[in-house]
């Protein structure tokens, strides 16, 4: 039975990832609060308009993802940020940043070529061809 409980907790731990943790605005705010200094768990919970139980559940998810640790100091428990895990998110975003930069560079090149083509062929608004069509003469 002990092995079963351990296995269940272990699999529960394994299915959490950093993307799940930062998907929730409350968890992101908790991370912002503890990013620069450790805070007492109760003081973190006190800054939200939801139950302490709800905040503790958010903290549990952040702990399971490795984004925070809870340290016992005497009778107090302190929440500390461990933001190294956010490198996974940063790497993922960087791949898409490179992709979109390449796409936008290609669009810019295409638009410049298109604009240069219009200038060399002399196509302008109000050319005689356009006027004939607008006057109903074909």
C-alpha atoms as a PDB file:
ATOM      1  CA  UNK A   1       0.000   0.000   0.000  1.00  0.00           C
ATOM      2  CA  UNK A   2       2.870   2.406   0.689  1.00  0.00           C
ATOM      3  CA  UNK A   3       4.271   1.749  -2.792  1.00  0.00           C
ATOM      4  CA  UNK A   4       0.863   2.495  -4.302  1.00  0.00           C
ATOM      5  CA  UNK A   5       0.617   5.853  -2.529  1.00  0.00           C
ATOM      6  CA  UNK A   6       4.180   6.701  -3.534  1.00  0.00           C
ATOM      7  CA  UNK A   7       3.519   5.744  -7.155  1.00  0.00           C
ATOM      8  CA  UNK A   8       0.307   7.755  -7.260  1.00  0.00           C
ATOM      9  CA  UNK A   9       2.022  10.834  -5.880  1.00  0.00           C
ATOM     10  CA  UNK A  10       4.952  10.344  -8.206  1.00  0.00           C
ATOM     11  CA  UNK A  11       2.764  10.111 -11.316  1.00  0.00           C
ATOM     12  CA  UNK A  12       0.759  13.094 -10.095  1.00  0.00           C
ATOM     13  CA  UNK A  13       4.013  15.028  -9.800  1.00  0.00           C
ATOM     14  CA  UNK A  14       5.167  13.975 -13.246  1.00  0.00           C
ATOM     15  CA  UNK A  15       2.120  15.249 -15.089  1.00  0.00           C
ATOM     16  CA  UNK A  16       2.609  18.840 -13.963  1.00  0.00           C
ATOM     17  CA  UNK A  17       4.710  21.065 -16.132  1.00  0.00           C
ATOM     18  CA  UNK A  18       5.738  24.688 -16.117  1.00  0.00           C
ATOM     19  CA  UNK A  19       3.198  25.611 -18.796  1.00  0.00           C
ATOM     20  CA  UNK A  20       0.367  24.421 -16.549  1.00  0.00           C
ATOM     21  CA  UNK A  21       1.773  26.444 -13.695  1.00  0.00           C
ATOM     22  CA  UNK A  22       1.978  29.734 -15.558  1.00  0.00           C
ATOM     23  CA  UNK A  23      -1.357  29.244 -17.328  1.00  0.00           C
ATOM     24  CA  UNK A  24      -3.243  30.539 -14.290  1.00  0.00           C
ATOM     25  CA  UNK A  25      -3.116  34.282 -13.494  1.00  0.00           C
ATOM     26  CA  UNK A  26      -3.189  33.652  -9.726  1.00  0.00           C
ATOM     27  CA  UNK A  27      -0.131  31.421  -9.947  1.00  0.00           C
ATOM     28  CA  UNK A  28       1.652  33.982 -12.111  1.00  0.00           C
ATOM     29  CA  UNK A  29       0.907  36.623  -9.486  1.00  0.00           C
ATOM     30  CA  UNK A  30       2.254  34.373  -6.723  1.00  0.00           C
ATOM     31  CA  UNK A  31       5.439  33.949  -8.755  1.00  0.00           C
ATOM     32  CA  UNK A  32       5.686  37.725  -9.187  1.00  0.00           C
ATOM     33  CA  UNK A  33       5.299  38.222  -5.454  1.00  0.00           C
ATOM     34  CA  UNK A  34       8.044  35.784  -4.432  1.00  0.00           C
ATOM     35  CA  UNK A  35      10.407  36.374  -7.364  1.00  0.00           C
ATOM     36  CA  UNK A  36      12.557  38.914  -5.536  1.00  0.00           C
ATOM     37  CA  UNK A  37      12.225  37.904  -1.908  1.00  0.00           C
ATOM     38  CA  UNK A  38      10.889  34.940   0.056  1.00  0.00           C
ATOM     39  CA  UNK A  39       7.523  35.626   1.637  1.00  0.00           C
ATOM     40  CA  UNK A  40       5.604  34.025   4.460  1.00  0.00           C
ATOM     41  CA  UNK A  41       2.998  31.636   3.064  1.00  0.00           C
ATOM     42  CA  UNK A  42       0.228  33.327   5.054  1.00  0.00           C
ATOM     43  CA  UNK A  43       1.190  36.782   3.788  1.00  0.00           C
ATOM     44  CA  UNK A  44       1.055  35.508   0.207  1.00  0.00           C
ATOM     45  CA  UNK A  45      -2.372  33.965   0.807  1.00  0.00           C
ATOM     46  CA  UNK A  46      -3.592  37.149   2.497  1.00  0.00           C
ATOM     47  CA  UNK A  47      -3.098  39.244  -0.642  1.00  0.00           C
ATOM     48  CA  UNK A  48      -5.779  37.402  -2.616  1.00  0.00           C
ATOM     49  CA  UNK A  49      -9.565  37.574  -2.402  1.00  0.00           C
ATOM     50  CA  UNK A  50      -9.938  33.800  -2.485  1.00  0.00           C
ATOM     51  CA  UNK A  51      -9.727  31.222   0.279  1.00  0.00           C
ATOM     52  CA  UNK A  52      -6.398  30.237   1.769  1.00  0.00           C
ATOM     53  CA  UNK A  53      -7.131  26.689   0.691  1.00  0.00           C
ATOM     54  CA  UNK A  54      -7.335  27.801  -2.939  1.00  0.00           C
ATOM     55  CA  UNK A  55      -4.013  29.652  -2.643  1.00  0.00           C
ATOM     56  CA  UNK A  56      -2.388  26.647  -0.986  1.00  0.00           C
ATOM     57  CA  UNK A  57      -3.529  24.507  -3.925  1.00  0.00           C
ATOM     58  CA  UNK A  58      -1.930  26.994  -6.321  1.00  0.00           C
ATOM     59  CA  UNK A  59       1.250  26.881  -4.262  1.00  0.00           C
ATOM     60  CA  UNK A  60       1.204  23.090  -4.360  1.00  0.00           C
ATOM     61  CA  UNK A  61       1.082  23.145  -8.162  1.00  0.00           C
ATOM     62  CA  UNK A  62       3.923  25.664  -8.287  1.00  0.00           C
ATOM     63  CA  UNK A  63       5.923  23.439  -5.938  1.00  0.00           C
ATOM     64  CA  UNK A  64       5.239  20.344  -8.035  1.00  0.00           C
ATOM     65  CA  UNK A  65       6.493  22.187 -11.096  1.00  0.00           C
ATOM     66  CA  UNK A  66       9.647  23.232  -9.295  1.00  0.00           C
ATOM     67  CA  UNK A  67       8.898  26.953  -9.543  1.00  0.00           C
ATOM     68  CA  UNK A  68       8.748  27.546  -5.800  1.00  0.00           C
ATOM     69  CA  UNK A  69       9.915  25.809  -2.664  1.00  0.00           C
ATOM     70  CA  UNK A  70       8.423  26.072   0.794  1.00  0.00           C
ATOM     71  CA  UNK A  71      10.971  26.310   3.615  1.00  0.00           C
ATOM     72  CA  UNK A  72      10.171  25.900   7.282  1.00  0.00           C
ATOM     73  CA  UNK A  73      11.888  28.507   9.475  1.00  0.00           C
ATOM     74  CA  UNK A  74      10.840  27.999  13.058  1.00  0.00           C
ATOM     75  CA  UNK A  75       7.073  28.216  13.183  1.00  0.00           C
ATOM     76  CA  UNK A  76       6.851  30.042   9.868  1.00  0.00           C
ATOM     77  CA  UNK A  77       6.773  28.655   6.346  1.00  0.00           C
ATOM     78  CA  UNK A  78       8.354  30.749   3.610  1.00  0.00           C
ATOM     79  CA  UNK A  79       7.784  30.562  -0.105  1.00  0.00           C
ATOM     80  CA  UNK A  80      10.869  31.018  -2.328  1.00  0.00           C
ATOM     81  CA  UNK A  81      10.968  31.286  -6.098  1.00  0.00           C
ATOM     82  CA  UNK A  82      13.037  28.876  -8.179  1.00  0.00           C
ATOM     83  CA  UNK A  83      12.645  30.430 -11.598  1.00  0.00           C
ATOM     84  CA  UNK A  84      15.205  28.306 -13.452  1.00  0.00           C
ATOM     85  CA  UNK A  85      12.355  26.096 -14.684  1.00  0.00           C
ATOM     86  CA  UNK A  86      11.029  29.051 -16.693  1.00  0.00           C
ATOM     87  CA  UNK A  87      13.934  28.502 -19.106  1.00  0.00           C
ATOM     88  CA  UNK A  88      11.771  25.807 -20.731  1.00  0.00           C
ATOM     89  CA  UNK A  89       9.133  28.432 -21.512  1.00  0.00           C
ATOM     90  CA  UNK A  90      11.740  30.899 -22.700  1.00  0.00           C
ATOM     91  CA  UNK A  91      13.244  28.332 -25.082  1.00  0.00           C
ATOM     92  CA  UNK A  92       9.806  27.482 -26.472  1.00  0.00           C
ATOM     93  CA  UNK A  93       8.954  31.152 -27.015  1.00  0.00           C
ATOM     94  CA  UNK A  94      12.321  31.812 -28.638  1.00  0.00           C
ATOM     95  CA  UNK A  95      11.628  29.227 -31.362  1.00  0.00           C
ATOM     96  CA  UNK A  96       8.420  31.023 -32.278  1.00  0.00           C
ATOM     97  CA  UNK A  97      10.041  34.437 -32.024  1.00  0.00           C
ATOM     98  CA  UNK A  98      12.619  33.354 -34.621  1.00  0.00           C
ATOM     99  CA  UNK A  99       9.877  31.922 -36.844  1.00  0.00           C
ATOM    100  CA  UNK A 100       7.795  35.107 -36.756  1.00  0.00           C
ATOM    101  CA  UNK A 101      10.823  37.350 -37.240  1.00  0.00           C
ATOM    102  CA  UNK A 102      11.674  35.388 -40.391  1.00  0.00           C
ATOM    103  CA  UNK A 103       8.079  35.622 -41.607  1.00  0.00           C
ATOM    104  CA  UNK A 104       7.927  39.371 -41.015  1.00  0.00           C
ATOM    105  CA  UNK A 105      11.315  39.878 -42.697  1.00  0.00           C
ATOM    106  CA  UNK A 106      10.031  37.970 -45.740  1.00  0.00           C
ATOM    107  CA  UNK A 107       6.880  40.107 -45.810  1.00  0.00           C
ATOM    108  CA  UNK A 108       8.949  43.283 -45.578  1.00  0.00           C
ATOM    109  CA  UNK A 109      11.152  42.147 -48.474  1.00  0.00           C
ATOM    110  CA  UNK A 110       8.104  41.254 -50.568  1.00  0.00           C
ATOM    111  CA  UNK A 111       6.445  44.610 -49.893  1.00  0.00           C
ATOM    112  CA  UNK A 112       9.628  46.501 -50.803  1.00  0.00           C
ATOM    113  CA  UNK A 113       9.903  44.532 -54.055  1.00  0.00           C
ATOM    114  CA  UNK A 114       6.243  45.185 -54.797  1.00  0.00           C
ATOM    115  CA  UNK A 115       6.666  48.894 -54.121  1.00  0.00           C
ATOM    116  CA  UNK A 116       9.821  49.050 -56.264  1.00  0.00           C
ATOM    117  CA  UNK A 117       7.967  47.279 -59.089  1.00  0.00           C
ATOM    118  CA  UNK A 118       5.161  49.835 -59.026  1.00  0.00           C
ATOM    119  CA  UNK A 119       7.624  52.718 -59.177  1.00  0.00           C
ATOM    120  CA  UNK A 120       9.580  51.308 -62.143  1.00  0.00           C
ATOM    121  CA  UNK A 121       6.498  50.503 -64.238  1.00  0.00           C
ATOM    122  CA  UNK A 122       4.944  53.914 -63.636  1.00  0.00           C
ATOM    123  CA  UNK A 123       1.635  52.591 -62.347  1.00  0.00           C
ATOM    124  CA  UNK A 124       0.024  55.366 -60.352  1.00  0.00           C
ATOM    125  CA  UNK A 125      -3.411  56.220 -59.109  1.00  0.00           C
ATOM    126  CA  UNK A 126      -5.468  57.981 -61.687  1.00  0.00           C
ATOM    127  CA  UNK A 127      -3.633  56.696 -64.760  1.00  0.00           C
ATOM    128  CA  UNK A 128      -5.404  56.980 -68.110  1.00  0.00           C
ATOM    129  CA  UNK A 129      -6.338  53.287 -68.065  1.00  0.00           C
ATOM    130  CA  UNK A 130      -8.107  53.764 -64.739  1.00  0.00           C
ATOM    131  CA  UNK A 131      -9.855  56.934 -65.967  1.00  0.00           C
ATOM    132  CA  UNK A 132     -11.232  55.193 -69.049  1.00  0.00           C
ATOM    133  CA  UNK A 133     -12.649  52.408 -66.922  1.00  0.00           C
ATOM    134  CA  UNK A 134     -14.131  54.884 -64.457  1.00  0.00           C
ATOM    135  CA  UNK A 135     -15.759  56.922 -67.244  1.00  0.00           C
ATOM    136  CA  UNK A 136     -17.418  53.811 -68.567  1.00  0.00           C
ATOM    137  CA  UNK A 137     -15.296  53.728 -71.768  1.00  0.00           C
ATOM    138  CA  UNK A 138     -13.628  50.425 -72.506  1.00  0.00           C
END
